C-alpha cells in the first residue's frame, strides 16, 4: 500500500470487494476494482485458502494496492474452502 488512508479516499468512498481464494486472483480483482474507480477495497480474509492468509502472502496484497484496504475475517467457511484451523484460532 502506498501510504493510503481511508480518511483521504474522497467522499463518497467507492468500495471494491475482494473475495478470492488465492493471492494471484485477489491481485487481479484488486486491479479491476482500481481500474473501475474504487477508492478503497474490502478484503474478505475468510475467502482466502489457509496458505494465502499468511503474513507474507497478505503483505503482497497490501503492498500492491493503490487504495486503502480494510481486511475483514468473518467466522464462516465460504463455499469451496475447507478450513484446517478452528474458530478459536481464526478469532485470535
Protein backbone atom coordinates (compact mmCIF):
# COMPACT_ATOMS: atom_id res chain seq x y z
CA UNK A 1 0.00 0.00 0.00
CA UNK A 2 1.33 3.36 -0.93
CA UNK A 3 0.52 5.31 2.26
CA UNK A 4 -3.21 5.04 1.56
CA UNK A 5 -5.72 6.24 4.14
CA UNK A 6 -9.48 5.86 4.31
CA UNK A 7 -9.69 9.45 5.52
CA UNK A 8 -8.17 10.56 2.21
CA UNK A 9 -10.28 8.33 -0.05
CA UNK A 10 -12.73 11.03 -1.06
CA UNK A 11 -16.42 11.35 -0.44
CA UNK A 12 -18.21 9.11 -1.04
CA UNK A 13 -15.89 6.10 -0.81
CA UNK A 14 -16.35 3.75 -3.74
CA UNK A 15 -15.65 0.34 -2.26
CA UNK A 16 -14.37 -2.66 -4.21
CA UNK A 17 -14.92 -6.10 -2.68
CA UNK A 18 -12.20 -8.77 -2.79
CA UNK A 19 -13.48 -12.34 -2.25
CA UNK A 20 -10.92 -14.53 -4.00
CA UNK A 21 -9.28 -17.80 -2.93
CA UNK A 22 -5.67 -17.01 -3.92
CA UNK A 23 -3.33 -14.03 -3.73
CA UNK A 24 -2.93 -14.06 -7.52
CA UNK A 25 -6.69 -13.88 -8.07
CA UNK A 26 -7.01 -11.23 -5.37
CA UNK A 27 -4.38 -9.08 -7.09
CA UNK A 28 -6.25 -9.41 -10.40
CA UNK A 29 -9.53 -8.42 -8.73
CA UNK A 30 -7.80 -5.53 -6.94
CA UNK A 31 -6.52 -4.20 -10.28
CA UNK A 32 -10.01 -4.50 -11.75
CA UNK A 33 -11.53 -2.65 -8.79
CA UNK A 34 -8.98 0.14 -9.05
CA UNK A 35 -9.50 0.41 -12.84
CA UNK A 36 -13.26 0.63 -12.30
CA UNK A 37 -12.79 3.58 -9.94
CA UNK A 38 -12.74 2.05 -6.47
CA UNK A 39 -11.28 4.44 -3.92
CA UNK A 40 -10.92 1.68 -1.28
CA UNK A 41 -11.31 -2.11 -1.02
CA UNK A 42 -12.73 -4.60 1.43
CA UNK A 43 -10.64 -7.80 1.62
CA UNK A 44 -12.55 -10.86 2.89
CA UNK A 45 -9.82 -12.95 4.54
CA UNK A 46 -12.20 -15.86 5.11
CA UNK A 47 -12.30 -16.47 1.34
CA UNK A 48 -8.54 -16.93 1.08
CA UNK A 49 -7.34 -20.51 1.44
CA UNK A 50 -5.18 -21.10 4.51
CA UNK A 51 -1.75 -20.74 2.87
CA UNK A 52 -2.82 -17.41 1.34
CA UNK A 53 -3.65 -15.90 4.75
CA UNK A 54 -0.04 -15.99 5.92
CA UNK A 55 1.63 -12.62 6.66
CA UNK A 56 3.94 -12.77 3.62
CA UNK A 57 1.02 -13.50 1.29
CA UNK A 58 -1.10 -10.71 2.73
CA UNK A 59 1.85 -8.33 2.51
CA UNK A 60 1.86 -8.78 -1.29
CA UNK A 61 -1.75 -7.64 -1.46
CA UNK A 62 -1.30 -4.60 0.76
CA UNK A 63 1.94 -3.52 -0.95
CA UNK A 64 0.34 -3.76 -4.39
CA UNK A 65 -2.77 -1.74 -3.53
CA UNK A 66 -3.06 1.88 -4.62
CA UNK A 67 -6.14 2.29 -2.42
CA UNK A 68 -6.67 1.62 1.29
CA UNK A 69 -7.79 -1.90 2.17
CA UNK A 70 -9.97 -2.92 5.09
CA UNK A 71 -9.45 -6.59 5.92
CA UNK A 72 -12.38 -8.46 7.47
CA UNK A 73 -12.48 -12.05 8.66
CA UNK A 74 -15.93 -13.44 9.22
CA UNK A 75 -16.17 -16.65 11.18
CA UNK A 76 -17.55 -18.90 8.44
CA UNK A 77 -16.38 -21.22 5.70
CA UNK A 78 -17.16 -19.90 2.24
CA UNK A 79 -18.32 -22.45 -0.30
CA UNK A 80 -15.44 -24.50 -1.66
CA UNK A 81 -12.99 -23.84 1.19
CA UNK A 82 -12.08 -26.44 3.78
CA UNK A 83 -10.65 -24.95 6.96
CA UNK A 84 -7.72 -26.52 8.80
CA UNK A 85 -7.93 -24.06 11.67
CA UNK A 86 -10.61 -23.86 14.34
CA UNK A 87 -13.00 -21.00 15.03
CA UNK A 88 -10.94 -20.09 18.10
CA UNK A 89 -7.76 -19.86 16.00
CA UNK A 90 -9.47 -17.67 13.41
CA UNK A 91 -10.69 -15.29 16.11
CA UNK A 92 -7.23 -14.99 17.73
